[in-house]
Protein backbone atom coordinates (compact mmCIF):
# COMPACT_ATOMS: atom_id res chain seq x y z
CA MET A 1 -28.79 -15.70 14.95
CA LYS A 2 -26.15 -18.16 13.44
CA ALA A 3 -26.50 -15.97 10.32
CA ILE A 4 -25.92 -12.95 11.75
CA ASP A 5 -23.08 -14.42 13.72
CA LYS A 6 -21.86 -15.51 10.26
CA GLN A 7 -21.62 -12.44 8.70
CA ILE A 8 -19.78 -11.11 11.51
CA ALA A 9 -17.23 -13.39 11.83
CA GLU A 10 -16.97 -12.98 7.79
CA LEU A 11 -17.01 -9.04 8.34
CA GLU A 12 -14.17 -9.73 10.93
CA LYS A 13 -11.81 -11.99 8.54
CA SER A 14 -12.02 -9.39 5.74
CA ILE A 15 -11.06 -6.36 8.51
CA GLU A 16 -8.34 -8.30 9.51
CA LYS A 17 -7.32 -9.22 5.49
CA SER A 18 -7.40 -5.12 4.74
CA GLU A 19 -5.68 -4.58 7.82
CA ASN A 20 -2.82 -6.41 7.04
CA THR A 21 -2.47 -5.40 3.63
CA ILE A 22 -2.46 -1.64 4.84
CA ASN A 23 0.43 -2.72 7.19
CA ARG A 24 2.16 -4.10 4.55
CA TYR A 25 2.04 -1.32 2.76
CA GLN A 26 2.91 1.25 5.47
CA HIS A 27 5.94 -0.86 5.92
CA ARG A 28 7.25 -0.73 1.95
CA LEU A 29 6.34 2.88 2.08
CA PRO A 30 9.79 4.46 3.30
CA HIS A 31 11.70 2.08 0.69
CA LEU A 32 9.11 3.25 -1.94
CA ARG A 33 9.87 7.03 -1.65
CA LYS A 34 13.43 6.53 -1.74
CA ILE A 35 12.84 4.63 -4.77
CA LEU A 36 10.87 7.79 -6.15
CA GLN A 37 13.25 10.27 -4.74
CA ASN A 38 16.05 8.53 -6.68
CA LEU A 39 14.31 8.29 -10.14
CA GLU A 40 13.28 12.14 -9.74
CA SER A 41 17.26 12.75 -9.00
CA ILE A 42 18.13 10.67 -11.91
CA GLU A 43 15.41 13.01 -14.01
CA ARG A 44 16.46 15.81 -13.10
CA ARG A 45 20.52 15.06 -13.75
CA GLU A 46 19.79 13.87 -16.96
CA ASN A 47 17.22 16.47 -17.98
CA ILE A 48 14.42 13.80 -18.68
CA THR A 49 10.78 13.45 -18.02
CA LEU A 50 9.62 10.16 -17.01
CA ALA A 51 5.65 11.29 -16.96
CA PRO A 52 3.64 14.07 -18.38
């Protein structure tokens, strides 16, 4: 049983770490979207291609 409890604890820790990572990305997403919009605007204005 101790081995199972240890595995459960490790899984819970892993899940929590993943949730924290997801939350950080969700927090940054609006800012990253704005940066992308600005780059696309420059791309159109300057008639250049940033990506194929």
